Amino acid sequence: MTAATRVRIATRESPLALWQAHHVQRRLLELEPSLDVQLVPMTTLGDQLLGSPLSAVGGKGLFVKELETAMLEQRADIAVHSMKDVPAQQPAGLCLSAFLAGEDPRDAFVSNTYSSVAELPQGAHVGTSSLRRSTQLRGLRPDLQISPLRGNVGTRLRKLDEGGYDAILLAAAGLQRLGLGQRIREYLDVERFVPAIGQGVIGIECREDDQATRALLARLHDPQTTQRLIAERALNSRLGGACQVPVAGHARIHNGELHLQALVGDPASVRQVRDEIRGPVEDAENLGISLAERLLNAGARDILQSLGVL
């Protein structure tokens, strides 16, 4: 097998996506200083359709489709993704070849006036682009006014600063990567506010038949993060993997045991079905599927069927 000499990285043009692509570029050059590593920035449909909630225009897959097409058409060799944006099912011919060590998976509460969700006054206005976040927030504070908030991190912070919202919710990892961790007023604990599948993890996708690039990416691969994602994505796949349903899942590993907690919510109410499971790390996929089945039997099936997912 010939070693890779050039790697073209397909990436979205948002500041966070470019940070992630540059991060992977640096990591690759640390491995092989002679590599020619180029960025191929592009605007995805998800970046263009900012006037509607993601669930109404096709889901998170809109952020990866153009990048995947560029790889399949040989215009790029790899794509760098926030794993929370990658659908459960992948196109034929592509594979997820590496997961970098996961960073902070928590959601972050950001406000210029209030220090926590609990401190928000009755009827406060909160912005979030996520059905998962809004459903869990309604469960904690049904009195709040929650409105859709789209755009990149900078755009969302600007709308907060202009007075459009009393607070907004964002992924902690994204703020930290952009050097904006000081904007976080409260980290939402994963026990009460379950993160998105894959939140905080950077994944690298490439063509399945590109053995040289896959061998290179394998050197960046973090095994423990991989086992976590196997469990989370198996759970998501069994639940239909749809963006129009608030599905949350987060796995942790301690002393060889994997602990997976999950939630399915009803977007039209405060109803939530929660459960968790523990087992050996090597059973990650089966644990994800088993927990999904338990959620389905506990009421998630009714929610998913009412939304046309199952």
C-alpha atoms as a PDB file:
ATOM      1  CA  MET A   1       0.000   0.000   0.000  1.00  0.00           C
ATOM      2  CA  THR A   2       1.363   3.433  -0.989  1.00  0.00           C
ATOM      3  CA  ALA A   3       1.627   5.971   1.839  1.00  0.00           C
ATOM      4  CA  ALA A   4      -0.553   9.079   1.586  1.00  0.00           C
ATOM      5  CA  THR A   5       1.390  12.158   0.408  1.00  0.00           C
ATOM      6  CA  ARG A   6      -1.497  14.633   0.072  1.00  0.00           C
ATOM      7  CA  VAL A   7      -4.621  15.049   2.179  1.00  0.00           C
ATOM      8  CA  ARG A   8      -7.391  17.448   1.146  1.00  0.00           C
ATOM      9  CA  ILE A   9      -9.750  18.242   4.027  1.00  0.00           C
ATOM     10  CA  ALA A  10     -13.350  19.089   3.182  1.00  0.00           C
ATOM     11  CA  THR A  11     -14.741  21.447   5.808  1.00  0.00           C
ATOM     12  CA  ARG A  12     -17.596  23.826   6.393  1.00  0.00           C
ATOM     13  CA  GLU A  13     -16.646  27.505   6.450  1.00  0.00           C
ATOM     14  CA  SER A  14     -17.941  28.362   9.923  1.00  0.00           C
ATOM     15  CA  PRO A  15     -15.251  29.454  12.417  1.00  0.00           C
ATOM     16  CA  LEU A  16     -15.786  26.334  14.541  1.00  0.00           C
ATOM     17  CA  ALA A  17     -15.603  23.969  11.562  1.00  0.00           C
ATOM     18  CA  LEU A  18     -12.442  25.692  10.336  1.00  0.00           C
ATOM     19  CA  TRP A  19     -10.911  25.422  13.828  1.00  0.00           C
ATOM     20  CA  GLN A  20     -11.592  21.679  13.780  1.00  0.00           C
ATOM     21  CA  ALA A  21     -10.166  21.278  10.272  1.00  0.00           C
ATOM     22  CA  HIS A  22      -7.015  23.231  11.187  1.00  0.00           C
ATOM     23  CA  HIS A  23      -6.701  21.113  14.341  1.00  0.00           C
ATOM     24  CA  VAL A  24      -6.740  17.912  12.268  1.00  0.00           C
ATOM     25  CA  GLN A  25      -4.326  19.507   9.789  1.00  0.00           C
ATOM     26  CA  ARG A  26      -1.874  20.201  12.642  1.00  0.00           C
ATOM     27  CA  ARG A  27      -2.257  16.679  14.021  1.00  0.00           C
ATOM     28  CA  LEU A  28      -1.547  15.152  10.612  1.00  0.00           C
ATOM     29  CA  LEU A  29       1.540  17.307  10.092  1.00  0.00           C
ATOM     30  CA  GLU A  30       2.809  16.272  13.526  1.00  0.00           C
ATOM     31  CA  LEU A  31       2.599  12.672  12.320  1.00  0.00           C
ATOM     32  CA  GLU A  32       4.054  13.310   8.854  1.00  0.00           C
ATOM     33  CA  PRO A  33       5.729  16.750   8.430  1.00  0.00           C
ATOM     34  CA  SER A  34       6.253  16.138   4.698  1.00  0.00           C
ATOM     35  CA  LEU A  35       2.515  15.727   4.025  1.00  0.00           C
ATOM     36  CA  ASP A  36       0.753  18.225   1.779  1.00  0.00           C
ATOM     37  CA  VAL A  37      -2.393  18.971   3.837  1.00  0.00           C
ATOM     38  CA  GLN A  38      -4.871  21.348   2.200  1.00  0.00           C
ATOM     39  CA  LEU A  39      -8.230  22.687   3.365  1.00  0.00           C
ATOM     40  CA  VAL A  40     -11.183  22.629   0.963  1.00  0.00           C
ATOM     41  CA  PRO A  41     -13.761  24.974   2.548  1.00  0.00           C
ATOM     42  CA  MET A  42     -17.358  24.836   1.355  1.00  0.00           C
ATOM     43  CA  THR A  43     -20.790  26.065   2.382  1.00  0.00           C
ATOM     44  CA  THR A  44     -23.315  23.339   3.129  1.00  0.00           C
ATOM     45  CA  LEU A  45     -27.077  23.487   2.721  1.00  0.00           C
ATOM     46  CA  GLY A  46     -27.407  23.502   6.504  1.00  0.00           C
ATOM     47  CA  ASP A  47     -25.365  26.711   6.609  1.00  0.00           C
ATOM     48  CA  GLN A  48     -27.593  28.334   3.990  1.00  0.00           C
ATOM     49  CA  LEU A  49     -31.051  27.435   5.328  1.00  0.00           C
ATOM     50  CA  LEU A  50     -30.941  29.465   8.519  1.00  0.00           C
ATOM     51  CA  GLY A  51     -34.550  30.647   8.517  1.00  0.00           C
ATOM     52  CA  SER A  52     -36.091  27.398   9.769  1.00  0.00           C
ATOM     53  CA  PRO A  53     -35.412  24.851  12.514  1.00  0.00           C
ATOM     54  CA  LEU A  54     -33.159  21.986  11.417  1.00  0.00           C
ATOM     55  CA  SER A  55     -35.923  19.486  12.057  1.00  0.00           C
ATOM     56  CA  ALA A  56     -38.080  21.238   9.462  1.00  0.00           C
ATOM     57  CA  VAL A  57     -35.515  21.404   6.644  1.00  0.00           C
ATOM     58  CA  GLY A  58     -33.908  17.977   6.709  1.00  0.00           C
ATOM     59  CA  GLY A  59     -31.906  17.585   9.889  1.00  0.00           C
ATOM     60  CA  LYS A  60     -28.253  17.652  10.813  1.00  0.00           C
ATOM     61  CA  GLY A  61     -27.275  15.661   7.733  1.00  0.00           C
ATOM     62  CA  LEU A  62     -27.514  18.935   5.807  1.00  0.00           C
ATOM     63  CA  PHE A  63     -24.181  19.894   7.385  1.00  0.00           C
ATOM     64  CA  VAL A  64     -22.294  16.920   5.923  1.00  0.00           C
ATOM     65  CA  LYS A  65     -23.880  16.113   2.544  1.00  0.00           C
ATOM     66  CA  GLU A  66     -21.752  18.484   0.434  1.00  0.00           C
ATOM     67  CA  LEU A  67     -18.582  17.359   2.206  1.00  0.00           C
ATOM     68  CA  GLU A  68     -19.402  13.718   1.514  1.00  0.00           C
ATOM     69  CA  THR A  69     -20.166  14.459  -2.135  1.00  0.00           C
ATOM     70  CA  ALA A  70     -16.759  16.150  -2.476  1.00  0.00           C
ATOM     71  CA  MET A  71     -15.052  12.997  -1.203  1.00  0.00           C
ATOM     72  CA  LEU A  72     -17.062  10.676  -3.435  1.00  0.00           C
ATOM     73  CA  GLU A  73     -16.220  12.900  -6.427  1.00  0.00           C
ATOM     74  CA  GLN A  74     -12.488  12.824  -5.500  1.00  0.00           C
ATOM     75  CA  ARG A  75     -12.402  16.592  -4.814  1.00  0.00           C
ATOM     76  CA  ALA A  76     -11.418  15.926  -1.199  1.00  0.00           C
ATOM     77  CA  ASP A  77      -9.853  13.033   0.675  1.00  0.00           C
ATOM     78  CA  ILE A  78     -11.292  13.442   4.168  1.00  0.00           C
ATOM     79  CA  ALA A  79     -13.975  15.445   5.952  1.00  0.00           C
ATOM     80  CA  VAL A  80     -13.812  16.665   9.535  1.00  0.00           C
ATOM     81  CA  HIS A  81     -17.084  16.609  11.455  1.00  0.00           C
ATOM     82  CA  SER A  82     -18.562  17.390  14.821  1.00  0.00           C
ATOM     83  CA  MET A  83     -19.898  13.903  15.481  1.00  0.00           C
ATOM     84  CA  LYS A  84     -23.178  15.262  16.841  1.00  0.00           C
ATOM     85  CA  ASP A  85     -23.904  16.437  13.264  1.00  0.00           C
ATOM     86  CA  VAL A  86     -23.270  13.068  11.576  1.00  0.00           C
ATOM     87  CA  PRO A  87     -26.401  10.979  10.842  1.00  0.00           C
ATOM     88  CA  ALA A  88     -26.640   7.401  12.065  1.00  0.00           C
ATOM     89  CA  GLN A  89     -26.433   6.043   8.504  1.00  0.00           C
ATOM     90  CA  GLN A  90     -23.537   6.781   6.137  1.00  0.00           C
ATOM     91  CA  PRO A  91     -23.480   6.884   2.324  1.00  0.00           C
ATOM     92  CA  ALA A  92     -22.108   3.853   0.502  1.00  0.00           C
ATOM     93  CA  GLY A  93     -18.405   4.177  -0.183  1.00  0.00           C
ATOM     94  CA  LEU A  94     -17.558   6.276   2.872  1.00  0.00           C
ATOM     95  CA  CYS A  95     -16.519   5.356   6.408  1.00  0.00           C
ATOM     96  CA  LEU A  96     -15.717   7.053   9.685  1.00  0.00           C
ATOM     97  CA  SER A  97     -12.020   6.250  10.035  1.00  0.00           C
ATOM     98  CA  ALA A  98     -10.937   8.119  13.140  1.00  0.00           C
ATOM     99  CA  PHE A  99     -12.368   9.685  16.262  1.00  0.00           C
ATOM    100  CA  LEU A 100     -10.184  12.084  18.199  1.00  0.00           C
ATOM    101  CA  ALA A 101     -10.225  11.919  21.985  1.00  0.00           C
ATOM    102  CA  GLY A 102     -13.548  13.320  23.148  1.00  0.00           C
ATOM    103  CA  GLU A 103     -13.659  16.697  24.852  1.00  0.00           C
ATOM    104  CA  ASP A 104     -16.309  18.262  27.108  1.00  0.00           C
ATOM    105  CA  PRO A 105     -19.686  16.703  26.152  1.00  0.00           C
ATOM    106  CA  ARG A 106     -21.823  19.053  28.248  1.00  0.00           C
ATOM    107  CA  ASP A 107     -24.256  21.737  27.179  1.00  0.00           C
ATOM    108  CA  ALA A 108     -23.512  25.266  28.297  1.00  0.00           C
ATOM    109  CA  PHE A 109     -25.826  27.974  29.629  1.00  0.00           C
ATOM    110  CA  VAL A 110     -24.800  31.418  28.341  1.00  0.00           C
ATOM    111  CA  SER A 111     -26.320  34.658  29.579  1.00  0.00           C
ATOM    112  CA  ASN A 112     -25.253  38.245  30.121  1.00  0.00           C
ATOM    113  CA  THR A 113     -27.609  38.656  33.076  1.00  0.00           C
ATOM    114  CA  TYR A 114     -28.272  35.333  34.811  1.00  0.00           C
ATOM    115  CA  SER A 115     -25.812  32.823  36.233  1.00  0.00           C
ATOM    116  CA  SER A 116     -27.848  29.627  35.812  1.00  0.00           C
ATOM    117  CA  VAL A 117     -31.028  28.058  34.467  1.00  0.00           C
ATOM    118  CA  ALA A 118     -32.450  28.141  37.986  1.00  0.00           C
ATOM    119  CA  GLU A 119     -31.851  31.894  38.245  1.00  0.00           C
ATOM    120  CA  LEU A 120     -33.883  32.739  35.111  1.00  0.00           C
ATOM    121  CA  PRO A 121     -37.082  34.633  35.994  1.00  0.00           C
ATOM    122  CA  GLN A 122     -40.521  33.294  35.117  1.00  0.00           C
ATOM    123  CA  GLY A 123     -41.165  33.521  31.370  1.00  0.00           C
ATOM    124  CA  ALA A 124     -37.546  34.300  30.452  1.00  0.00           C
ATOM    125  CA  HIS A 125     -36.670  34.007  26.745  1.00  0.00           C
ATOM    126  CA  VAL A 126     -34.139  31.261  25.885  1.00  0.00           C
ATOM    127  CA  GLY A 127     -32.737  30.506  22.434  1.00  0.00           C
ATOM    128  CA  THR A 128     -31.636  27.101  21.168  1.00  0.00           C
ATOM    129  CA  SER A 129     -31.488  25.378  17.787  1.00  0.00           C
ATOM    130  CA  SER A 130     -31.914  21.927  19.305  1.00  0.00           C
ATOM    131  CA  LEU A 131     -35.133  19.997  19.924  1.00  0.00           C
ATOM    132  CA  ARG A 132     -33.170  17.886  22.401  1.00  0.00           C
ATOM    133  CA  ARG A 133     -32.143  20.940  24.404  1.00  0.00           C
ATOM    134  CA  SER A 134     -35.542  22.624  24.279  1.00  0.00           C
ATOM    135  CA  THR A 135     -37.356  19.455  25.401  1.00  0.00           C
ATOM    136  CA  GLN A 136     -35.057  18.929  28.377  1.00  0.00           C
ATOM    137  CA  LEU A 137     -35.195  22.629  29.247  1.00  0.00           C
ATOM    138  CA  ARG A 138     -39.004  22.530  29.260  1.00  0.00           C
ATOM    139  CA  GLY A 139     -38.787  19.559  31.606  1.00  0.00           C
ATOM    140  CA  LEU A 140     -36.695  21.617  34.024  1.00  0.00           C
ATOM    141  CA  ARG A 141     -38.486  24.946  33.535  1.00  0.00           C
ATOM    142  CA  PRO A 142     -41.877  24.672  31.774  1.00  0.00           C
ATOM    143  CA  ASP A 143     -42.458  28.394  32.366  1.00  0.00           C
ATOM    144  CA  LEU A 144     -39.701  29.514  29.993  1.00  0.00           C
ATOM    145  CA  GLN A 145     -40.270  30.920  26.502  1.00  0.00           C
ATOM    146  CA  ILE A 146     -38.056  28.913  24.138  1.00  0.00           C
ATOM    147  CA  SER A 147     -37.397  30.088  20.566  1.00  0.00           C
ATOM    148  CA  PRO A 148     -35.347  28.638  17.682  1.00  0.00           C
ATOM    149  CA  LEU A 149     -31.845  30.068  17.309  1.00  0.00           C
ATOM    150  CA  ARG A 150     -29.822  29.150  14.207  1.00  0.00           C
ATOM    151  CA  GLY A 151     -26.435  30.287  12.920  1.00  0.00           C
ATOM    152  CA  ASN A 152     -22.824  29.708  13.862  1.00  0.00           C
ATOM    153  CA  VAL A 153     -21.566  30.268  17.411  1.00  0.00           C
ATOM    154  CA  GLY A 154     -20.659  33.901  16.779  1.00  0.00           C
ATOM    155  CA  THR A 155     -24.052  34.664  15.263  1.00  0.00           C
ATOM    156  CA  ARG A 156     -25.872  33.153  18.228  1.00  0.00           C
ATOM    157  CA  LEU A 157     -23.772  35.070  20.732  1.00  0.00           C
ATOM    158  CA  ARG A 158     -24.366  38.293  18.804  1.00  0.00           C
ATOM    159  CA  LYS A 159     -28.134  37.761  18.922  1.00  0.00           C
ATOM    160  CA  LEU A 160     -27.868  37.235  22.681  1.00  0.00           C
ATOM    161  CA  ASP A 161     -25.744  40.370  23.075  1.00  0.00           C
ATOM    162  CA  GLU A 162     -28.234  42.399  21.031  1.00  0.00           C
ATOM    163  CA  GLY A 163     -30.910  41.584  23.600  1.00  0.00           C
ATOM    164  CA  GLY A 164     -32.924  39.074  21.619  1.00  0.00           C
ATOM    165  CA  TYR A 165     -32.714  36.464  24.385  1.00  0.00           C
ATOM    166  CA  ASP A 166     -32.216  36.302  28.130  1.00  0.00           C
ATOM    167  CA  ALA A 167     -30.017  33.228  27.669  1.00  0.00           C
ATOM    168  CA  ILE A 168     -28.974  30.690  25.056  1.00  0.00           C
ATOM    169  CA  LEU A 169     -27.772  27.087  25.169  1.00  0.00           C
ATOM    170  CA  LEU A 170     -24.706  25.918  23.224  1.00  0.00           C
ATOM    171  CA  ALA A 171     -22.250  23.021  23.244  1.00  0.00           C
ATOM    172  CA  ALA A 172     -19.505  23.676  25.773  1.00  0.00           C
ATOM    173  CA  ALA A 173     -16.822  22.114  23.542  1.00  0.00           C
ATOM    174  CA  GLY A 174     -17.522  24.526  20.693  1.00  0.00           C
ATOM    175  CA  LEU A 175     -17.188  27.574  22.927  1.00  0.00           C
ATOM    176  CA  GLN A 176     -13.986  26.222  24.447  1.00  0.00           C
ATOM    177  CA  ARG A 177     -12.424  25.474  21.060  1.00  0.00           C
ATOM    178  CA  LEU A 178     -13.099  29.027  19.905  1.00  0.00           C
ATOM    179  CA  GLY A 179     -11.566  30.523  23.042  1.00  0.00           C
ATOM    180  CA  LEU A 180     -14.980  31.612  24.328  1.00  0.00           C
ATOM    181  CA  GLY A 181     -15.171  29.462  27.435  1.00  0.00           C
ATOM    182  CA  GLN A 182     -15.453  32.602  29.566  1.00  0.00           C
ATOM    183  CA  ARG A 183     -18.955  33.154  28.162  1.00  0.00           C
ATOM    184  CA  ILE A 184     -20.220  29.997  29.911  1.00  0.00           C
ATOM    185  CA  ARG A 185     -22.179  30.827  33.089  1.00  0.00           C
ATOM    186  CA  GLU A 186     -23.235  27.257  33.914  1.00  0.00           C
ATOM    187  CA  TYR A 187     -22.243  23.805  32.690  1.00  0.00           C
ATOM    188  CA  LEU A 188     -25.327  21.562  32.517  1.00  0.00           C
ATOM    189  CA  ASP A 189     -24.497  18.272  34.214  1.00  0.00           C
ATOM    190  CA  VAL A 190     -24.933  15.209  31.985  1.00  0.00           C
ATOM    191  CA  GLU A 191     -26.994  13.435  34.642  1.00  0.00           C
ATOM    192  CA  ARG A 192     -29.859  15.936  34.429  1.00  0.00           C
ATOM    193  CA  PHE A 193     -29.255  17.294  30.910  1.00  0.00           C
ATOM    194  CA  VAL A 194     -28.242  14.448  28.586  1.00  0.00           C
ATOM    195  CA  PRO A 195     -25.935  15.559  25.728  1.00  0.00           C
ATOM    196  CA  ALA A 196     -26.384  14.909  22.033  1.00  0.00           C
ATOM    197  CA  ILE A 197     -25.058  11.685  20.518  1.00  0.00           C
ATOM    198  CA  GLY A 198     -21.349  12.313  19.828  1.00  0.00           C
ATOM    199  CA  GLN A 199     -21.240  15.788  21.372  1.00  0.00           C
ATOM    200  CA  GLY A 200     -17.678  16.995  21.958  1.00  0.00           C
ATOM    201  CA  VAL A 201     -16.111  14.457  19.578  1.00  0.00           C
ATOM    202  CA  ILE A 202     -14.359  15.257  16.298  1.00  0.00           C
ATOM    203  CA  GLY A 203     -14.715  12.534  13.673  1.00  0.00           C
ATOM    204  CA  ILE A 204     -12.856  12.083  10.401  1.00  0.00           C
ATOM    205  CA  GLU A 205     -14.552  10.507   7.394  1.00  0.00           C
ATOM    206  CA  CYS A 206     -12.929   9.236   4.214  1.00  0.00           C
ATOM    207  CA  ARG A 207     -13.498   6.954   1.234  1.00  0.00           C
ATOM    208  CA  GLU A 208     -13.747   3.311   2.194  1.00  0.00           C
ATOM    209  CA  ASP A 209     -11.336   2.215  -0.541  1.00  0.00           C
ATOM    210  CA  ASP A 210      -8.645   4.812   0.287  1.00  0.00           C
ATOM    211  CA  GLN A 211      -6.393   2.483   2.245  1.00  0.00           C
ATOM    212  CA  ALA A 212      -3.441   4.879   2.410  1.00  0.00           C
ATOM    213  CA  THR A 213      -5.485   7.646   4.010  1.00  0.00           C
ATOM    214  CA  ARG A 214      -7.226   5.203   6.349  1.00  0.00           C
ATOM    215  CA  ALA A 215      -3.855   3.928   7.560  1.00  0.00           C
ATOM    216  CA  LEU A 216      -2.739   7.493   8.254  1.00  0.00           C
ATOM    217  CA  LEU A 217      -5.951   8.373  10.112  1.00  0.00           C
ATOM    218  CA  ALA A 218      -5.700   5.235  12.230  1.00  0.00           C
ATOM    219  CA  ARG A 219      -2.757   6.883  13.983  1.00  0.00           C
ATOM    220  CA  LEU A 220      -5.089   9.625  15.272  1.00  0.00           C
ATOM    221  CA  HIS A 221      -7.780   7.192  16.424  1.00  0.00           C
ATOM    222  CA  ASP A 222      -8.724   7.147  20.141  1.00  0.00           C
ATOM    223  CA  PRO A 223      -9.987   3.654  21.134  1.00  0.00           C
ATOM    224  CA  GLN A 224     -11.922   4.674  24.246  1.00  0.00           C
ATOM    225  CA  THR A 225     -13.795   7.444  22.445  1.00  0.00           C
ATOM    226  CA  THR A 226     -14.560   4.926  19.707  1.00  0.00           C
ATOM    227  CA  GLN A 227     -16.235   2.534  22.157  1.00  0.00           C
ATOM    228  CA  ARG A 228     -18.319   5.372  23.565  1.00  0.00           C
ATOM    229  CA  LEU A 229     -19.453   6.378  20.090  1.00  0.00           C
ATOM    230  CA  ILE A 230     -20.228   2.799  19.067  1.00  0.00           C
ATOM    231  CA  ALA A 231     -22.687   2.576  21.967  1.00  0.00           C
ATOM    232  CA  GLU A 232     -24.209   6.008  21.373  1.00  0.00           C
ATOM    233  CA  ARG A 233     -24.592   5.589  17.608  1.00  0.00           C
ATOM    234  CA  ALA A 234     -26.012   2.052  17.943  1.00  0.00           C
ATOM    235  CA  LEU A 235     -28.637   3.508  20.279  1.00  0.00           C
ATOM    236  CA  ASN A 236     -29.400   6.316  17.826  1.00  0.00           C
ATOM    237  CA  SER A 237     -29.595   3.988  14.835  1.00  0.00           C
ATOM    238  CA  ARG A 238     -32.085   1.672  16.563  1.00  0.00           C
ATOM    239  CA  LEU A 239     -34.217   4.694  17.466  1.00  0.00           C
ATOM    240  CA  GLY A 240     -34.376   5.812  13.849  1.00  0.00           C
ATOM    241  CA  GLY A 241     -31.583   8.388  13.945  1.00  0.00           C
ATOM    242  CA  ALA A 242     -33.959  11.226  13.088  1.00  0.00           C
ATOM    243  CA  CYS A 243     -33.338  14.913  13.760  1.00  0.00           C
ATOM    244  CA  GLN A 244     -37.038  15.701  14.240  1.00  0.00           C
ATOM    245  CA  VAL A 245     -37.063  13.721  17.495  1.00  0.00           C
ATOM    246  CA  PRO A 246     -35.285  14.830  20.671  1.00  0.00           C
ATOM    247  CA  VAL A 247     -32.921  11.881  21.189  1.00  0.00           C
ATOM    248  CA  ALA A 248     -30.026  12.188  23.628  1.00  0.00           C
ATOM    249  CA  GLY A 249     -27.353   9.687  24.558  1.00  0.00           C
ATOM    250  CA  HIS A 250     -24.107   9.829  26.466  1.00  0.00           C
ATOM    251  CA  ALA A 251     -21.640   7.050  27.286  1.00  0.00           C
ATOM    252  CA  ARG A 252     -18.857   7.060  29.859  1.00  0.00           C
ATOM    253  CA  ILE A 253     -16.202   4.431  30.541  1.00  0.00           C
ATOM    254  CA  HIS A 254     -14.710   3.655  33.934  1.00  0.00           C
ATOM    255  CA  ASN A 255     -12.594   0.625  34.887  1.00  0.00           C
ATOM    256  CA  GLY A 256     -13.627  -1.310  31.779  1.00  0.00           C
ATOM    257  CA  GLU A 257     -17.347  -0.688  32.282  1.00  0.00           C
ATOM    258  CA  LEU A 258     -19.440   1.387  29.929  1.00  0.00           C
ATOM    259  CA  HIS A 259     -22.307   3.449  31.360  1.00  0.00           C
ATOM    260  CA  LEU A 260     -24.810   4.666  28.755  1.00  0.00           C
ATOM    261  CA  GLN A 261     -27.710   6.959  29.570  1.00  0.00           C
ATOM    262  CA  ALA A 262     -30.324   8.085  27.077  1.00  0.00           C
ATOM    263  CA  LEU A 263     -33.516  10.035  26.572  1.00  0.00           C
ATOM    264  CA  VAL A 264     -36.284  10.279  23.997  1.00  0.00           C
ATOM    265  CA  GLY A 265     -38.554  13.308  24.272  1.00  0.00           C
ATOM    266  CA  ASP A 266     -41.837  14.399  22.762  1.00  0.00           C
ATOM    267  CA  PRO A 267     -41.393  17.750  20.952  1.00  0.00           C
ATOM    268  CA  ALA A 268     -45.057  18.601  21.579  1.00  0.00           C
ATOM    269  CA  SER A 269     -44.971  18.159  25.358  1.00  0.00           C
ATOM    270  CA  VAL A 270     -42.683  17.783  28.369  1.00  0.00           C
ATOM    271  CA  ARG A 271     -42.908  13.984  28.180  1.00  0.00           C
ATOM    272  CA  GLN A 272     -39.521  12.260  28.359  1.00  0.00           C
ATOM    273  CA  VAL A 273     -38.554   8.591  28.423  1.00  0.00           C
ATOM    274  CA  ARG A 274     -35.224   8.048  30.206  1.00  0.00           C
ATOM    275  CA  ASP A 275     -33.150   4.988  31.045  1.00  0.00           C
ATOM    276  CA  GLU A 276     -29.537   3.862  31.443  1.00  0.00           C
ATOM    277  CA  ILE A 277     -27.495   0.690  31.136  1.00  0.00           C
ATOM    278  CA  ARG A 278     -24.097  -0.594  32.224  1.00  0.00           C
ATOM    279  CA  GLY A 279     -21.912  -3.387  30.898  1.00  0.00           C
ATOM    280  CA  PRO A 280     -18.484  -4.392  29.587  1.00  0.00           C
ATOM    281  CA  VAL A 281     -16.853  -1.985  27.143  1.00  0.00           C
ATOM    282  CA  GLU A 282     -16.480  -4.730  24.542  1.00  0.00           C
ATOM    283  CA  ASP A 283     -20.301  -5.028  24.420  1.00  0.00           C
ATOM    284  CA  ALA A 284     -20.698  -1.353  23.444  1.00  0.00           C
ATOM    285  CA  GLU A 285     -22.870  -1.949  20.373  1.00  0.00           C
ATOM    286  CA  ASN A 286     -25.162  -4.450  22.085  1.00  0.00           C
ATOM    287  CA  LEU A 287     -25.523  -2.131  25.075  1.00  0.00           C
ATOM    288  CA  GLY A 288     -26.653   0.681  22.777  1.00  0.00           C
ATOM    289  CA  ILE A 289     -29.191  -1.537  21.035  1.00  0.00           C
ATOM    290  CA  SER A 290     -30.453  -3.010  24.319  1.00  0.00           C
ATOM    291  CA  LEU A 291     -30.986   0.420  25.853  1.00  0.00           C
ATOM    292  CA  ALA A 292     -32.836   1.572  22.730  1.00  0.00           C
ATOM    293  CA  GLU A 293     -35.163  -1.435  22.998  1.00  0.00           C
ATOM    294  CA  ARG A 294     -35.869  -0.635  26.636  1.00  0.00           C
ATOM    295  CA  LEU A 295     -36.700   2.960  25.741  1.00  0.00           C
ATOM    296  CA  LEU A 296     -38.988   1.810  22.924  1.00  0.00           C
ATOM    297  CA  ASN A 297     -40.838  -0.541  25.251  1.00  0.00           C
ATOM    298  CA  ALA A 298     -41.148   2.180  27.907  1.00  0.00           C
ATOM    299  CA  GLY A 299     -42.989   4.605  25.618  1.00  0.00           C
ATOM    300  CA  ALA A 300     -40.452   5.908  23.105  1.00  0.00           C
ATOM    301  CA  ARG A 301     -42.010   3.776  20.363  1.00  0.00           C
ATOM    302  CA  ASP A 302     -45.289   5.697  20.673  1.00  0.00           C
ATOM    303  CA  ILE A 303     -43.442   9.025  20.413  1.00  0.00           C
ATOM    304  CA  LEU A 304     -41.396   7.946  17.399  1.00  0.00           C
ATOM    305  CA  GLN A 305     -44.384   6.426  15.583  1.00  0.00           C
ATOM    306  CA  SER A 306     -46.443   9.573  16.126  1.00  0.00           C
ATOM    307  CA  LEU A 307     -43.681  11.507  14.389  1.00  0.00           C
ATOM    308  CA  GLY A 308     -43.408   9.014  11.516  1.00  0.00           C
ATOM    309  CA  VAL A 309     -39.901   7.870  12.445  1.00  0.00           C
ATOM    310  CA  LEU A 310     -40.534   4.156  13.090  1.00  0.00           C
END
